[in-house]
Amino acid sequence: MWIAGTAPIMPDDTDPPASAYAQAKRCTEIIAAALAEAGGSLDDVVRTRLYVTDASLIDDVGRAHREAFGTARPATTGVVTALLDPRWLVEIEAEAYIE
Protein backbone atom coordinates (compact mmCIF):
# COMPACT_ATOMS: atom_id res chain seq x y z
CA MET A 1 0.00 0.00 0.00
CA TRP A 2 1.32 3.44 -0.91
CA ILE A 3 0.19 6.45 1.11
CA ALA A 4 1.26 9.58 -0.70
CA GLY A 5 2.04 13.02 0.66
CA THR A 6 0.31 13.05 4.02
CA ALA A 7 0.19 16.66 5.20
CA PRO A 8 -0.88 17.95 8.64
CA ILE A 9 -4.46 18.63 7.57
CA MET A 10 -6.83 18.96 10.49
CA PRO A 11 -10.23 17.23 10.46
CA ASP A 12 -12.08 20.51 11.04
CA ASP A 13 -10.01 22.55 8.53
CA THR A 14 -8.39 24.60 11.29
CA ASP A 15 -4.77 25.64 11.07
CA PRO A 16 -2.27 22.84 11.57
CA PRO A 17 -0.30 22.72 14.82
CA ALA A 18 2.55 25.21 15.01
CA SER A 19 5.35 22.76 15.81
CA ALA A 20 7.00 20.31 13.43
CA TYR A 21 6.63 17.57 16.06
CA ALA A 22 2.85 18.08 16.36
CA GLN A 23 2.49 18.29 12.59
CA ALA A 24 4.39 15.02 12.17
CA LYS A 25 2.15 13.41 14.80
CA ARG A 26 -0.90 14.54 12.80
CA CYS A 27 0.60 13.10 9.61
CA THR A 28 1.15 9.72 11.29
CA GLU A 29 -2.44 9.76 12.60
CA ILE A 30 -3.67 10.17 9.02
CA ILE A 31 -1.36 7.39 7.83
CA ALA A 32 -2.56 5.09 10.63
CA ALA A 33 -6.20 5.73 9.69
CA ALA A 34 -5.53 4.96 6.00
CA LEU A 35 -3.74 1.74 6.95
CA ALA A 36 -6.57 0.71 9.27
CA GLU A 37 -9.08 1.14 6.44
CA ALA A 38 -7.01 -1.34 4.41
CA GLY A 39 -6.71 -3.80 7.30
CA GLY A 40 -3.19 -2.80 8.31
CA SER A 41 -1.34 -0.82 10.93
CA LEU A 42 1.76 1.30 11.38
CA ASP A 43 3.65 -1.95 12.07
CA ASP A 44 3.16 -2.86 8.38
CA VAL A 45 5.08 0.20 7.12
CA VAL A 46 8.33 -0.70 5.35
CA ARG A 47 9.39 2.70 3.95
CA THR A 48 8.75 6.36 4.71
CA ARG A 49 9.81 9.67 3.25
CA LEU A 50 9.93 12.75 5.45
CA TYR A 51 9.64 16.10 3.70
CA VAL A 52 10.56 19.09 5.87
CA THR A 53 10.81 22.77 5.03
CA ASP A 54 14.02 23.25 7.02
CA ALA A 55 16.75 20.79 8.01
CA SER A 56 16.62 22.05 11.60
CA LEU A 57 13.18 20.42 11.97
CA ILE A 58 14.35 16.87 11.34
CA ASP A 59 15.03 16.06 15.02
CA ASP A 60 11.45 16.92 16.05
CA VAL A 61 9.98 15.14 13.05
CA GLY A 62 12.26 12.17 13.68
CA ARG A 63 11.05 11.93 17.29
CA ALA A 64 7.41 11.74 16.16
CA HIS A 65 8.42 9.25 13.47
CA ARG A 66 10.19 6.99 15.99
CA GLU A 67 7.17 7.10 18.29
CA ALA A 68 4.86 6.04 15.47
CA PHE A 69 7.05 3.57 13.59
CA GLY A 70 9.39 2.34 16.34
CA THR A 71 8.26 -1.28 16.04
CA ALA A 72 8.24 -1.35 12.24
CA ARG A 73 11.53 0.55 11.84
CA PRO A 74 10.95 1.37 8.16
CA ALA A 75 13.65 2.50 5.78
CA THR A 76 13.42 6.28 5.84
CA THR A 77 14.57 9.15 3.66
CA GLY A 78 14.50 12.82 4.68
CA VAL A 79 14.16 15.60 2.13
CA VAL A 80 14.30 19.37 2.63
CA THR A 81 11.89 21.13 0.29
CA ALA A 82 9.08 23.67 0.00
CA LEU A 83 5.55 22.35 0.58
CA LEU A 84 2.27 23.39 -1.05
CA ASP A 85 0.81 25.16 2.00
CA PRO A 86 3.13 27.66 3.72
CA ARG A 87 1.73 26.58 7.13
CA TRP A 88 3.02 23.04 6.65
CA LEU A 89 6.43 22.21 8.05
CA VAL A 90 6.32 18.50 7.29
CA GLU A 91 4.72 15.98 4.97
CA ILE A 92 5.15 12.20 5.21
CA GLU A 93 4.79 9.41 2.65
CA ALA A 94 4.57 5.76 3.65
CA GLU A 95 4.69 2.38 1.95
CA ALA A 96 3.33 -0.68 3.71
CA TYR A 97 3.16 -4.38 3.06
CA ILE A 98 -0.17 -5.81 4.24
CA GLU A 99 -0.81 -9.54 3.93
C-alpha atoms as a PDB file:
ATOM      1  CA  MET A   1       0.000   0.000   0.000  1.00  0.00           C
ATOM      2  CA  TRP A   2       1.318   3.443  -0.912  1.00  0.00           C
ATOM      3  CA  ILE A   3       0.193   6.451   1.109  1.00  0.00           C
ATOM      4  CA  ALA A   4       1.262   9.583  -0.699  1.00  0.00           C
ATOM      5  CA  GLY A   5       2.043  13.017   0.662  1.00  0.00           C
ATOM      6  CA  THR A   6       0.307  13.054   4.020  1.00  0.00           C
ATOM      7  CA  ALA A   7       0.193  16.658   5.204  1.00  0.00           C
ATOM      8  CA  PRO A   8      -0.885  17.948   8.642  1.00  0.00           C
ATOM      9  CA  ILE A   9      -4.457  18.634   7.569  1.00  0.00           C
ATOM     10  CA  MET A  10      -6.826  18.963  10.493  1.00  0.00           C
ATOM     11  CA  PRO A  11     -10.227  17.228  10.456  1.00  0.00           C
ATOM     12  CA  ASP A  12     -12.079  20.514  11.037  1.00  0.00           C
ATOM     13  CA  ASP A  13     -10.006  22.546   8.531  1.00  0.00           C
ATOM     14  CA  THR A  14      -8.395  24.603  11.292  1.00  0.00           C
ATOM     15  CA  ASP A  15      -4.767  25.642  11.070  1.00  0.00           C
ATOM     16  CA  PRO A  16      -2.267  22.842  11.573  1.00  0.00           C
ATOM     17  CA  PRO A  17      -0.298  22.716  14.821  1.00  0.00           C
ATOM     18  CA  ALA A  18       2.547  25.212  15.009  1.00  0.00           C
ATOM     19  CA  SER A  19       5.348  22.764  15.811  1.00  0.00           C
ATOM     20  CA  ALA A  20       6.995  20.313  13.427  1.00  0.00           C
ATOM     21  CA  TYR A  21       6.631  17.572  16.055  1.00  0.00           C
ATOM     22  CA  ALA A  22       2.852  18.083  16.365  1.00  0.00           C
ATOM     23  CA  GLN A  23       2.485  18.290  12.586  1.00  0.00           C
ATOM     24  CA  ALA A  24       4.391  15.021  12.168  1.00  0.00           C
ATOM     25  CA  LYS A  25       2.148  13.411  14.803  1.00  0.00           C
ATOM     26  CA  ARG A  26      -0.895  14.538  12.803  1.00  0.00           C
ATOM     27  CA  CYS A  27       0.605  13.098   9.614  1.00  0.00           C
ATOM     28  CA  THR A  28       1.151   9.725  11.295  1.00  0.00           C
ATOM     29  CA  GLU A  29      -2.438   9.761  12.596  1.00  0.00           C
ATOM     30  CA  ILE A  30      -3.673  10.175   9.019  1.00  0.00           C
ATOM     31  CA  ILE A  31      -1.365   7.391   7.827  1.00  0.00           C
ATOM     32  CA  ALA A  32      -2.564   5.093  10.628  1.00  0.00           C
ATOM     33  CA  ALA A  33      -6.199   5.733   9.686  1.00  0.00           C
ATOM     34  CA  ALA A  34      -5.534   4.957   6.004  1.00  0.00           C
ATOM     35  CA  LEU A  35      -3.736   1.739   6.946  1.00  0.00           C
ATOM     36  CA  ALA A  36      -6.565   0.706   9.269  1.00  0.00           C
ATOM     37  CA  GLU A  37      -9.082   1.140   6.439  1.00  0.00           C
ATOM     38  CA  ALA A  38      -7.010  -1.338   4.411  1.00  0.00           C
ATOM     39  CA  GLY A  39      -6.708  -3.799   7.304  1.00  0.00           C
ATOM     40  CA  GLY A  40      -3.188  -2.805   8.305  1.00  0.00           C
ATOM     41  CA  SER A  41      -1.345  -0.817  10.932  1.00  0.00           C
ATOM     42  CA  LEU A  42       1.760   1.303  11.375  1.00  0.00           C
ATOM     43  CA  ASP A  43       3.649  -1.951  12.071  1.00  0.00           C
ATOM     44  CA  ASP A  44       3.162  -2.857   8.379  1.00  0.00           C
ATOM     45  CA  VAL A  45       5.083   0.196   7.120  1.00  0.00           C
ATOM     46  CA  VAL A  46       8.327  -0.703   5.348  1.00  0.00           C
ATOM     47  CA  ARG A  47       9.391   2.699   3.951  1.00  0.00           C
ATOM     48  CA  THR A  48       8.745   6.356   4.710  1.00  0.00           C
ATOM     49  CA  ARG A  49       9.814   9.670   3.253  1.00  0.00           C
ATOM     50  CA  LEU A  50       9.930  12.751   5.447  1.00  0.00           C
ATOM     51  CA  TYR A  51       9.644  16.101   3.703  1.00  0.00           C
ATOM     52  CA  VAL A  52      10.561  19.088   5.875  1.00  0.00           C
ATOM     53  CA  THR A  53      10.806  22.771   5.030  1.00  0.00           C
ATOM     54  CA  ASP A  54      14.021  23.247   7.017  1.00  0.00           C
ATOM     55  CA  ALA A  55      16.750  20.789   8.006  1.00  0.00           C
ATOM     56  CA  SER A  56      16.619  22.052  11.600  1.00  0.00           C
ATOM     57  CA  LEU A  57      13.177  20.424  11.971  1.00  0.00           C
ATOM     58  CA  ILE A  58      14.346  16.865  11.341  1.00  0.00           C
ATOM     59  CA  ASP A  59      15.027  16.060  15.019  1.00  0.00           C
ATOM     60  CA  ASP A  60      11.447  16.918  16.055  1.00  0.00           C
ATOM     61  CA  VAL A  61       9.977  15.137  13.051  1.00  0.00           C
ATOM     62  CA  GLY A  62      12.259  12.169  13.682  1.00  0.00           C
ATOM     63  CA  ARG A  63      11.054  11.928  17.285  1.00  0.00           C
ATOM     64  CA  ALA A  64       7.407  11.742  16.160  1.00  0.00           C
ATOM     65  CA  HIS A  65       8.424   9.245  13.467  1.00  0.00           C
ATOM     66  CA  ARG A  66      10.187   6.986  15.988  1.00  0.00           C
ATOM     67  CA  GLU A  67       7.173   7.104  18.293  1.00  0.00           C
ATOM     68  CA  ALA A  68       4.858   6.042  15.475  1.00  0.00           C
ATOM     69  CA  PHE A  69       7.047   3.573  13.592  1.00  0.00           C
ATOM     70  CA  GLY A  70       9.389   2.336  16.336  1.00  0.00           C
ATOM     71  CA  THR A  71       8.256  -1.281  16.041  1.00  0.00           C
ATOM     72  CA  ALA A  72       8.238  -1.347  12.241  1.00  0.00           C
ATOM     73  CA  ARG A  73      11.534   0.547  11.843  1.00  0.00           C
ATOM     74  CA  PRO A  74      10.946   1.373   8.157  1.00  0.00           C
ATOM     75  CA  ALA A  75      13.647   2.496   5.778  1.00  0.00           C
ATOM     76  CA  THR A  76      13.418   6.285   5.842  1.00  0.00           C
ATOM     77  CA  THR A  77      14.572   9.152   3.665  1.00  0.00           C
ATOM     78  CA  GLY A  78      14.498  12.819   4.678  1.00  0.00           C
ATOM     79  CA  VAL A  79      14.160  15.600   2.126  1.00  0.00           C
ATOM     80  CA  VAL A  80      14.302  19.366   2.629  1.00  0.00           C
ATOM     81  CA  THR A  81      11.886  21.132   0.290  1.00  0.00           C
ATOM     82  CA  ALA A  82       9.083  23.675   0.002  1.00  0.00           C
ATOM     83  CA  LEU A  83       5.553  22.347   0.575  1.00  0.00           C
ATOM     84  CA  LEU A  84       2.273  23.393  -1.045  1.00  0.00           C
ATOM     85  CA  ASP A  85       0.809  25.156   1.998  1.00  0.00           C
ATOM     86  CA  PRO A  86       3.131  27.659   3.724  1.00  0.00           C
ATOM     87  CA  ARG A  87       1.727  26.576   7.131  1.00  0.00           C
ATOM     88  CA  TRP A  88       3.019  23.036   6.649  1.00  0.00           C
ATOM     89  CA  LEU A  89       6.431  22.214   8.053  1.00  0.00           C
ATOM     90  CA  VAL A  90       6.319  18.495   7.291  1.00  0.00           C
ATOM     91  CA  GLU A  91       4.715  15.979   4.972  1.00  0.00           C
ATOM     92  CA  ILE A  92       5.154  12.202   5.211  1.00  0.00           C
ATOM     93  CA  GLU A  93       4.788   9.406   2.646  1.00  0.00           C
ATOM     94  CA  ALA A  94       4.567   5.760   3.652  1.00  0.00           C
ATOM     95  CA  GLU A  95       4.688   2.381   1.952  1.00  0.00           C
ATOM     96  CA  ALA A  96       3.333  -0.678   3.707  1.00  0.00           C
ATOM     97  CA  TYR A  97       3.157  -4.382   3.065  1.00  0.00           C
ATOM     98  CA  ILE A  98      -0.168  -5.811   4.238  1.00  0.00           C
ATOM     99  CA  GLU A  99      -0.814  -9.544   3.929  1.00  0.00           C
END
